Amino acid sequence: MQTLCILGSTGSIGKSTLDVVRLHPEKFDIVSLSAHSSVELMFDQCVEFKPSKVVMVSKQHAKALISKLKAANLNDIDVTSGTLALENIAQDDATDTVMAAIVGASGLLPTLAAVKAGKKVLLANKEALVTSGAIFIEAVKQSGAQLLPIDSEHNAIFQCLPLNAQQQPGYCDLSHEGVSKVLLTGSGGPFRTWDLDDLEHVTPSQACAHPNWDMGRKISVDSATMMNKGLEFIEAKWLFNLQPDDIQVVLHPQSTIHSMVQYKDGSVIAQMGNPDMRTPIAHALSFPKRIESGVEPFDFFTAKSFEFQAVDLVKYPNLKLAIDACKSGQGACTALNAANEIAVDAFLNEKIKFTDIAKINETSVNKFVSEKVTSIEEVVALDKSVRVFAQSLITKSKH
């Protein structure tokens, strides 16, 4: 039986992971769970899965959960709080596999702790690789951790690669394996057909209404700006040891083909299926075997036609920023991610316009692009500095 730690169990990926686990009680045992602030949902998960340990981000939420568990006679569950507690459950000896599903840069340190402990790490937190790049991959190499991508696009690429490449994430040689290009597909989000002038008036609820995927609010906005594809571009570089010119973004409005790998002999291998995160989660949980995910089989006869389009980088300036950052170096990538988290949060709280997100990101990257980061401490320090700077831009924009 595989023992699991789910970092971010009350979020979209965390809940989908538990959906898959629920189908296979004989295969998986939940050892630990973590959440930001969703006490009610975490309580329900504790009642159902009875983990040994739970971590809430703040003491206040941990106390509220302890109180509810006590009232339900579930006193055996050890509830703690804070970043260090997250790192502790991620590297716990009782855990085989860690689902890294905390959104944003706050997931970096616990994910890295799991890697350093040599765990099987299911990577749903793309920001960990975006913000720390080579440092993260070197830790994977040193510890012998097994890294399996959960993002539907990277999981698709992984499935389209030869076995030898699958066994060496971060340091495989895809050119040696006959790969000529990796094709990242993206739907273009809900505003793909909108005029540029109309994007100024986009509301948070419109940005969160993705046409194909059911996702959290932050990633939904990132999908609408195509920053999500930009972060995936950077993540693909590190996961598959690629150069930026080896990666091409292709618009595919139906989100049926999740990504493709083009080979030197002219072959293109694509991974396709219904847009449901339970598929990549089930794949990674059981790799190299296959298990039921609860996802309906793909119906070829009711499917719409497959469309592919070039990306308009004028319409999606955030994607261009990310590709440029990928070429510039780690400082630019760390800065871009930090600024974007602040800008998206401000947009969701109606402090800035949708189109201001790219402006804040660009100004922040330009200020910090030459910063050198060679250690995790420098990554964390730069991340904090950029957040303060981006926040100051938002404050100025309100006056």
Foldseek 3Di string as FASTA:
>chain_A
DAEEEEEALVFPLNVLLVLQCVVPVPQYAYAEYEHAAPLVVVLVVCVVRVHQEYEYADPVSQVVNCVVCVVVVSNRRHYYHHLVVLLCVLLPPVHQEYEQQDEAPSSQNSQLSNLLSQHAYEDPHLNNCLLPPPQSLVSNVVSVHQYAYLQLQRNFVLVQADPVLNSRWQDDDVVVSQFQAKEAEAQLWQCNPPDLVCQQVDALVSQQDGPADNGDSLVSLCSNLVLNVLSVLLSCCRGRVHASVRYAYKHKNQCFFRIWIAGNVGDIDTDGFGPDSLQSSQVSVDPPDHDDSPGDGDDPVPDDDIDIDHDDCVSNVSSVQSSVLSVLDNQLSLLLRLLLVLLSVCRNVVLHTSVCSSVLSVVRSVVRSPDDDDDVVSSVVSSVVSNVVSVVVSVVVND
